[in-house]
All heavy atoms as atom14 arrays in JSON, in Angstrom:
{
  "sequence": "DDLPPFTLKVNTFKATFATDGPQRGAARSFDAGVT",
  "atom14_mask": [
    [1, 1, 1, 1, 1, 1, 1, 1, 0, 0, 0, 0, 0, 0],
    [1, 1, 1, 1, 1, 1, 1, 1, 0, 0, 0, 0, 0, 0],
    [1, 1, 1, 1, 1, 1, 1, 1, 0, 0, 0, 0, 0, 0],
    [1, 1, 1, 1, 1, 1, 1, 0, 0, 0, 0, 0, 0, 0],
    [1, 1, 1, 1, 1, 1, 1, 0, 0, 0, 0, 0, 0, 0],
    [1, 1, 1, 1, 1, 1, 1, 1, 1, 1, 1, 0, 0, 0],
    [1, 1, 1, 1, 1, 1, 1, 0, 0, 0, 0, 0, 0, 0],
    [1, 1, 1, 1, 1, 1, 1, 1, 0, 0, 0, 0, 0, 0],
    [1, 1, 1, 1, 1, 1, 1, 1, 1, 0, 0, 0, 0, 0],
    [1, 1, 1, 1, 1, 1, 1, 0, 0, 0, 0, 0, 0, 0],
    [1, 1, 1, 1, 1, 1, 1, 1, 0, 0, 0, 0, 0, 0],
    [1, 1, 1, 1, 1, 1, 1, 0, 0, 0, 0, 0, 0, 0],
    [1, 1, 1, 1, 1, 1, 1, 1, 1, 1, 1, 0, 0, 0],
    [1, 1, 1, 1, 1, 1, 1, 1, 1, 0, 0, 0, 0, 0],
    [1, 1, 1, 1, 1, 0, 0, 0, 0, 0, 0, 0, 0, 0],
    [1, 1, 1, 1, 1, 1, 1, 0, 0, 0, 0, 0, 0, 0],
    [1, 1, 1, 1, 1, 1, 1, 1, 1, 1, 1, 0, 0, 0],
    [1, 1, 1, 1, 1, 0, 0, 0, 0, 0, 0, 0, 0, 0],
    [1, 1, 1, 1, 1, 1, 1, 0, 0, 0, 0, 0, 0, 0],
    [1, 1, 1, 1, 1, 1, 1, 1, 0, 0, 0, 0, 0, 0],
    [1, 1, 1, 1, 0, 0, 0, 0, 0, 0, 0, 0, 0, 0],
    [1, 1, 1, 1, 1, 1, 1, 0, 0, 0, 0, 0, 0, 0],
    [1, 1, 1, 1, 1, 1, 1, 1, 1, 0, 0, 0, 0, 0],
    [1, 1, 1, 1, 1, 1, 1, 1, 1, 1, 1, 0, 0, 0],
    [1, 1, 1, 1, 0, 0, 0, 0, 0, 0, 0, 0, 0, 0],
    [1, 1, 1, 1, 1, 0, 0, 0, 0, 0, 0, 0, 0, 0],
    [1, 1, 1, 1, 1, 0, 0, 0, 0, 0, 0, 0, 0, 0],
    [1, 1, 1, 1, 1, 1, 1, 1, 1, 1, 1, 0, 0, 0],
    [1, 1, 1, 1, 1, 1, 0, 0, 0, 0, 0, 0, 0, 0],
    [1, 1, 1, 1, 1, 1, 1, 1, 1, 1, 1, 0, 0, 0],
    [1, 1, 1, 1, 1, 1, 1, 1, 0, 0, 0, 0, 0, 0],
    [1, 1, 1, 1, 1, 0, 0, 0, 0, 0, 0, 0, 0, 0],
    [1, 1, 1, 1, 0, 0, 0, 0, 0, 0, 0, 0, 0, 0],
    [1, 1, 1, 1, 1, 1, 1, 0, 0, 0, 0, 0, 0, 0],
    [1, 1, 1, 1, 1, 1, 1, 0, 0, 0, 0, 0, 0, 0]
  ],
  "atom14_positions": [
    [[-40.52, 59.52, -11.22], [-41.94, 59.59, -10.85], [-42.52, 58.23, -10.51], [-43.61, 58.15, -9.93], [-42.74, 60.2, -12.01], [-42.37, 61.66, -12.26], [-41.87, 62.3, -11.32], [-42.55, 62.14, -13.4], [0.0, 0.0, 0.0], [0.0, 0.0, 0.0], [0.0, 0.0, 0.0], [0.0, 0.0, 0.0], [0.0, 0.0, 0.0], [0.0, 0.0, 0.0]],
    [[-41.81, 57.15, -10.87], [-42.29, 55.8, -10.57], [-42.09, 55.42, -9.11], [-42.62, 54.4, -8.67], [-41.57, 54.77, -11.46], [-41.89, 54.96, -12.93], [-42.97, 55.49, -13.23], [-41.04, 54.6, -13.78], [0.0, 0.0, 0.0], [0.0, 0.0, 0.0], [0.0, 0.0, 0.0], [0.0, 0.0, 0.0], [0.0, 0.0, 0.0], [0.0, 0.0, 0.0]],
    [[-41.32, 56.19, -8.35], [-41.06, 55.85, -6.95], [-42.3, 56.1, -6.1], [-42.86, 57.2, -6.11], [-39.9, 56.7, -6.4], [-38.5, 56.37, -6.91], [-37.5, 57.39, -6.4], [-38.08, 54.98, -6.47], [0.0, 0.0, 0.0], [0.0, 0.0, 0.0], [0.0, 0.0, 0.0], [0.0, 0.0, 0.0], [0.0, 0.0, 0.0], [0.0, 0.0, 0.0]],
    [[-42.77, 55.11, -5.36], [-43.9, 55.35, -4.45], [-43.46, 56.27, -3.31], [-42.35, 56.14, -2.79], [-44.24, 53.95, -3.93], [-43.01, 53.14, -4.15], [-42.32, 53.71, -5.34], [0.0, 0.0, 0.0], [0.0, 0.0, 0.0], [0.0, 0.0, 0.0], [0.0, 0.0, 0.0], [0.0, 0.0, 0.0], [0.0, 0.0, 0.0], [0.0, 0.0, 0.0]],
    [[-44.31, 57.21, -2.89], [-43.88, 58.25, -1.95], [-43.96, 57.84, -0.49], [-44.53, 58.55, 0.34], [-44.86, 59.38, -2.26], [-46.12, 58.68, -2.66], [-45.69, 57.42, -3.37], [0.0, 0.0, 0.0], [0.0, 0.0, 0.0], [0.0, 0.0, 0.0], [0.0, 0.0, 0.0], [0.0, 0.0, 0.0], [0.0, 0.0, 0.0], [0.0, 0.0, 0.0]],
    [[-43.4, 56.7, -0.11], [-43.48, 56.29, 1.29], [-42.3, 56.84, 2.09], [-41.25, 57.18, 1.54], [-43.56, 54.77, 1.41], [-42.29, 54.04, 1.08], [-41.31, 53.83, 2.04], [-42.06, 53.55, -0.21], [-40.14, 53.14, 1.74], [-40.9, 52.87, -0.52], [-39.94, 52.68, 0.46], [0.0, 0.0, 0.0], [0.0, 0.0, 0.0], [0.0, 0.0, 0.0]],
    [[-42.49, 56.92, 3.37], [-41.43, 57.33, 4.3], [-41.27, 56.24, 5.35], [-42.21, 55.49, 5.64], [-41.76, 58.67, 4.98], [-43.02, 58.55, 5.68], [-41.85, 59.79, 3.96], [0.0, 0.0, 0.0], [0.0, 0.0, 0.0], [0.0, 0.0, 0.0], [0.0, 0.0, 0.0], [0.0, 0.0, 0.0], [0.0, 0.0, 0.0], [0.0, 0.0, 0.0]],
    [[-40.08, 56.18, 5.92], [-39.76, 55.1, 6.86], [-38.8, 55.63, 7.92], [-37.9, 56.41, 7.62], [-39.15, 53.93, 6.1], [-38.75, 52.68, 6.86], [-38.97, 51.45, 5.99], [-37.26, 52.74, 7.24], [0.0, 0.0, 0.0], [0.0, 0.0, 0.0], [0.0, 0.0, 0.0], [0.0, 0.0, 0.0], [0.0, 0.0, 0.0], [0.0, 0.0, 0.0]],
    [[-39.0, 55.18, 9.14], [-38.11, 55.56, 10.24], [-37.79, 54.31, 11.06], [-38.68, 53.51, 11.38], [-38.78, 56.6, 11.13], [-37.88, 57.13, 12.24], [-38.55, 58.23, 13.03], [-37.64, 58.77, 14.12], [-38.3, 59.84, 14.9], [0.0, 0.0, 0.0], [0.0, 0.0, 0.0], [0.0, 0.0, 0.0], [0.0, 0.0, 0.0], [0.0, 0.0, 0.0]],
    [[-36.5, 54.15, 11.37], [-36.05, 53.03, 12.2], [-36.0, 53.5, 13.64], [-35.19, 54.37, 14.0], [-34.68, 52.52, 11.74], [-34.26, 51.32, 12.59], [-34.7, 52.14, 10.27], [0.0, 0.0, 0.0], [0.0, 0.0, 0.0], [0.0, 0.0, 0.0], [0.0, 0.0, 0.0], [0.0, 0.0, 0.0], [0.0, 0.0, 0.0], [0.0, 0.0, 0.0]],
    [[-36.88, 52.97, 14.48], [-36.98, 53.42, 15.87], [-36.08, 52.62, 16.82], [-35.5, 53.19, 17.73], [-38.44, 53.32, 16.33], [-39.37, 54.14, 15.47], [-39.14, 55.33, 15.28], [-40.4, 53.52, 14.93], [0.0, 0.0, 0.0], [0.0, 0.0, 0.0], [0.0, 0.0, 0.0], [0.0, 0.0, 0.0], [0.0, 0.0, 0.0], [0.0, 0.0, 0.0]],
    [[-35.98, 51.32, 16.58], [-35.18, 50.47, 17.46], [-34.43, 49.45, 16.63], [-34.84, 49.1, 15.52], [-36.07, 49.72, 18.48], [-37.01, 48.89, 17.79], [-36.81, 50.71, 19.36], [0.0, 0.0, 0.0], [0.0, 0.0, 0.0], [0.0, 0.0, 0.0], [0.0, 0.0, 0.0], [0.0, 0.0, 0.0], [0.0, 0.0, 0.0], [0.0, 0.0, 0.0]],
    [[-33.34, 48.97, 17.17], [-32.61, 47.87, 16.55], [-31.94, 47.06, 17.65], [-31.33, 47.6, 18.58], [-31.55, 48.39, 15.58], [-30.75, 47.28, 14.94], [-31.28, 46.55, 13.9], [-29.49, 46.94, 15.42], [-30.57, 45.52, 13.32], [-28.77, 45.91, 14.85], [-29.31, 45.2, 13.8], [0.0, 0.0, 0.0], [0.0, 0.0, 0.0], [0.0, 0.0, 0.0]],
    [[-32.06, 45.74, 17.5], [-31.45, 44.84, 18.47], [-30.77, 43.71, 17.74], [-31.36, 43.06, 16.88], [-32.51, 44.29, 19.44], [-31.92, 43.39, 20.52], [-32.99, 42.9, 21.47], [-32.39, 42.0, 22.56], [-33.43, 41.48, 23.48], [0.0, 0.0, 0.0], [0.0, 0.0, 0.0], [0.0, 0.0, 0.0], [0.0, 0.0, 0.0], [0.0, 0.0, 0.0]],
    [[-29.52, 43.48, 18.1], [-28.75, 42.36, 17.55], [-28.29, 41.48, 18.7], [-27.84, 41.99, 19.74], [-27.55, 42.85, 16.75], [0.0, 0.0, 0.0], [0.0, 0.0, 0.0], [0.0, 0.0, 0.0], [0.0, 0.0, 0.0], [0.0, 0.0, 0.0], [0.0, 0.0, 0.0], [0.0, 0.0, 0.0], [0.0, 0.0, 0.0], [0.0, 0.0, 0.0]],
    [[-28.4, 40.18, 18.52], [-27.93, 39.24, 19.54], [-26.84, 38.37, 18.94], [-26.87, 38.03, 17.76], [-29.08, 38.36, 20.06], [-29.65, 37.64, 18.95], [-30.17, 39.19, 20.71], [0.0, 0.0, 0.0], [0.0, 0.0, 0.0], [0.0, 0.0, 0.0], [0.0, 0.0, 0.0], [0.0, 0.0, 0.0], [0.0, 0.0, 0.0], [0.0, 0.0, 0.0]],
    [[-25.86, 38.03, 19.79], [-24.7, 37.25, 19.35], [-24.46, 36.12, 20.35], [-24.8, 36.22, 21.53], [-23.45, 38.13, 19.27], [-23.6, 39.34, 18.4], [-24.03, 40.55, 18.94], [-23.33, 39.29, 17.04], [-24.17, 41.68, 18.15], [-23.47, 40.4, 16.24], [-23.9, 41.6, 16.79], [0.0, 0.0, 0.0], [0.0, 0.0, 0.0], [0.0, 0.0, 0.0]],
    [[-23.87, 35.04, 19.84], [-23.47, 33.93, 20.72], [-22.36, 34.4, 21.65], [-21.39, 35.02, 21.21], [-23.01, 32.74, 19.88], [0.0, 0.0, 0.0], [0.0, 0.0, 0.0], [0.0, 0.0, 0.0], [0.0, 0.0, 0.0], [0.0, 0.0, 0.0], [0.0, 0.0, 0.0], [0.0, 0.0, 0.0], [0.0, 0.0, 0.0], [0.0, 0.0, 0.0]],
    [[-22.5, 34.11, 22.94], [-21.55, 34.61, 23.93], [-20.52, 33.58, 24.37], [-19.59, 33.92, 25.09], [-22.31, 35.13, 25.17], [-23.13, 34.07, 25.68], [-23.19, 36.31, 24.8], [0.0, 0.0, 0.0], [0.0, 0.0, 0.0], [0.0, 0.0, 0.0], [0.0, 0.0, 0.0], [0.0, 0.0, 0.0], [0.0, 0.0, 0.0], [0.0, 0.0, 0.0]],
    [[-20.69, 32.33, 23.97], [-19.71, 31.31, 24.36], [-19.7, 30.21, 23.31], [-20.48, 30.22, 22.35], [-20.02, 30.74, 25.75], [-21.46, 30.25, 25.87], [-22.08, 29.97, 24.82], [-21.96, 30.14, 27.0], [0.0, 0.0, 0.0], [0.0, 0.0, 0.0], [0.0, 0.0, 0.0], [0.0, 0.0, 0.0], [0.0, 0.0, 0.0], [0.0, 0.0, 0.0]],
    [[-18.83, 29.25, 23.49], [-18.73, 28.14, 22.56], [-17.87, 28.48, 21.35], [-17.33, 29.59, 21.22], [0.0, 0.0, 0.0], [0.0, 0.0, 0.0], [0.0, 0.0, 0.0], [0.0, 0.0, 0.0], [0.0, 0.0, 0.0], [0.0, 0.0, 0.0], [0.0, 0.0, 0.0], [0.0, 0.0, 0.0], [0.0, 0.0, 0.0], [0.0, 0.0, 0.0]],
    [[-17.73, 27.51, 20.45], [-16.86, 27.72, 19.28], [-17.36, 28.81, 18.34], [-16.6, 29.36, 17.55], [-16.86, 26.35, 18.58], [-18.09, 25.66, 19.08], [-18.31, 26.16, 20.48], [0.0, 0.0, 0.0], [0.0, 0.0, 0.0], [0.0, 0.0, 0.0], [0.0, 0.0, 0.0], [0.0, 0.0, 0.0], [0.0, 0.0, 0.0], [0.0, 0.0, 0.0]],
    [[-18.67, 29.14, 18.4], [-19.23, 30.18, 17.54], [-19.45, 31.48, 18.31], [-20.33, 32.28, 17.97], [-20.53, 29.71, 16.92], [-20.35, 28.57, 15.93], [-21.6, 28.33, 15.1], [-22.66, 28.86, 15.38], [-21.45, 27.52, 14.07], [0.0, 0.0, 0.0], [0.0, 0.0, 0.0], [0.0, 0.0, 0.0], [0.0, 0.0, 0.0], [0.0, 0.0, 0.0]],
    [[-18.65, 31.71, 19.29], [-18.76, 32.95, 20.06], [-18.62, 34.15, 19.12], [-17.71, 34.24, 18.31], [-17.68, 33.01, 21.13], [-17.74, 34.25, 22.02], [-16.66, 34.21, 23.07], [-16.76, 35.35, 23.98], [-16.2, 36.54, 23.76], [-15.49, 36.73, 22.65], [-16.34, 37.53, 24.63], [0.0, 0.0, 0.0], [0.0, 0.0, 0.0], [0.0, 0.0, 0.0]],
    [[-19.55, 35.09, 19.23], [-19.55, 36.27, 18.39], [-20.38, 36.13, 17.13], [-20.6, 37.11, 16.42], [0.0, 0.0, 0.0], [0.0, 0.0, 0.0], [0.0, 0.0, 0.0], [0.0, 0.0, 0.0], [0.0, 0.0, 0.0], [0.0, 0.0, 0.0], [0.0, 0.0, 0.0], [0.0, 0.0, 0.0], [0.0, 0.0, 0.0], [0.0, 0.0, 0.0]],
    [[-20.85, 34.9, 16.83], [-21.67, 34.71, 15.64], [-23.05, 35.33, 15.85], [-23.61, 35.29, 16.95], [-21.81, 33.23, 15.32], [0.0, 0.0, 0.0], [0.0, 0.0, 0.0], [0.0, 0.0, 0.0], [0.0, 0.0, 0.0], [0.0, 0.0, 0.0], [0.0, 0.0, 0.0], [0.0, 0.0, 0.0], [0.0, 0.0, 0.0], [0.0, 0.0, 0.0]],
    [[-23.58, 35.91, 14.8], [-24.88, 36.57, 14.89], [-25.99, 35.55, 15.09], [-25.98, 34.48, 14.49], [-25.14, 37.38, 13.63], [0.0, 0.0, 0.0], [0.0, 0.0, 0.0], [0.0, 0.0, 0.0], [0.0, 0.0, 0.0], [0.0, 0.0, 0.0], [0.0, 0.0, 0.0], [0.0, 0.0, 0.0], [0.0, 0.0, 0.0], [0.0, 0.0, 0.0]],
    [[-26.93, 35.88, 15.93], [-28.09, 35.03, 16.18], [-29.38, 35.65, 15.65], [-30.23, 34.95, 15.13], [-28.22, 34.75, 17.69], [-27.15, 33.8, 18.22], [-27.39, 32.41, 17.67], [-26.37, 31.45, 18.09], [-25.36, 31.05, 17.35], [-25.22, 31.55, 16.12], [-24.47, 30.18, 17.78], [0.0, 0.0, 0.0], [0.0, 0.0, 0.0], [0.0, 0.0, 0.0]],
    [[-29.53, 36.95, 15.78], [-30.74, 37.6, 15.27], [-30.49, 39.08, 15.08], [-29.66, 39.68, 15.76], [-31.92, 37.38, 16.22], [-31.69, 38.04, 17.46], [0.0, 0.0, 0.0], [0.0, 0.0, 0.0], [0.0, 0.0, 0.0], [0.0, 0.0, 0.0], [0.0, 0.0, 0.0], [0.0, 0.0, 0.0], [0.0, 0.0, 0.0], [0.0, 0.0, 0.0]],
    [[-31.2, 39.65, 14.1], [-31.22, 41.09, 13.87], [-32.69, 41.49, 13.8], [-33.47, 40.88, 13.07], [-30.52, 41.47, 12.56], [-29.09, 41.02, 12.48], [-28.68, 40.13, 11.51], [-28.15, 41.49, 13.39], [-27.37, 39.72, 11.42], [-26.84, 41.07, 13.32], [-26.44, 40.19, 12.33], [0.0, 0.0, 0.0], [0.0, 0.0, 0.0], [0.0, 0.0, 0.0]],
    [[-33.05, 42.52, 14.52], [-34.45, 42.89, 14.62], [-34.56, 44.41, 14.67], [-34.05, 45.05, 15.59], [-35.05, 42.28, 15.9], [-36.55, 42.35, 15.92], [-37.11, 43.04, 15.06], [-37.17, 41.72, 16.8], [0.0, 0.0, 0.0], [0.0, 0.0, 0.0], [0.0, 0.0, 0.0], [0.0, 0.0, 0.0], [0.0, 0.0, 0.0], [0.0, 0.0, 0.0]],
    [[-35.21, 44.99, 13.64], [-35.37, 46.44, 13.57], [-36.85, 46.78, 13.65], [-37.66, 46.26, 12.87], [-34.77, 46.99, 12.28], [0.0, 0.0, 0.0], [0.0, 0.0, 0.0], [0.0, 0.0, 0.0], [0.0, 0.0, 0.0], [0.0, 0.0, 0.0], [0.0, 0.0, 0.0], [0.0, 0.0, 0.0], [0.0, 0.0, 0.0], [0.0, 0.0, 0.0]],
    [[-37.21, 47.63, 14.57], [-38.58, 48.11, 14.68], [-38.74, 49.4, 13.88], [-38.08, 50.4, 14.17], [0.0, 0.0, 0.0], [0.0, 0.0, 0.0], [0.0, 0.0, 0.0], [0.0, 0.0, 0.0], [0.0, 0.0, 0.0], [0.0, 0.0, 0.0], [0.0, 0.0, 0.0], [0.0, 0.0, 0.0], [0.0, 0.0, 0.0], [0.0, 0.0, 0.0]],
    [[-39.59, 49.37, 12.86], [-39.74, 50.52, 11.98], [-41.2, 50.97, 11.98], [-42.12, 50.21, 12.26], [-39.29, 50.2, 10.54], [-37.86, 49.7, 10.52], [-40.21, 49.18, 9.88], [0.0, 0.0, 0.0], [0.0, 0.0, 0.0], [0.0, 0.0, 0.0], [0.0, 0.0, 0.0], [0.0, 0.0, 0.0], [0.0, 0.0, 0.0], [0.0, 0.0, 0.0]],
    [[-41.37, 52.24, 11.66], [-42.69, 52.8, 11.36], [-42.62, 53.41, 9.97], [-41.58, 53.93, 9.56], [-43.1, 53.85, 12.39], [-42.08, 54.86, 12.48], [-43.31, 53.24, 13.76], [0.0, 0.0, 0.0], [0.0, 0.0, 0.0], [0.0, 0.0, 0.0], [0.0, 0.0, 0.0], [0.0, 0.0, 0.0], [0.0, 0.0, 0.0], [0.0, 0.0, 0.0]]
  ]
}
């Protein structure tokens, strides 16, 4: 009963990665649009 009754939906998600250089494939950002 202590749980607050909120709801959440993930509408969009975008991840960007390095495309070249020694860190190719390393994550640069994660961004989720939620309501």
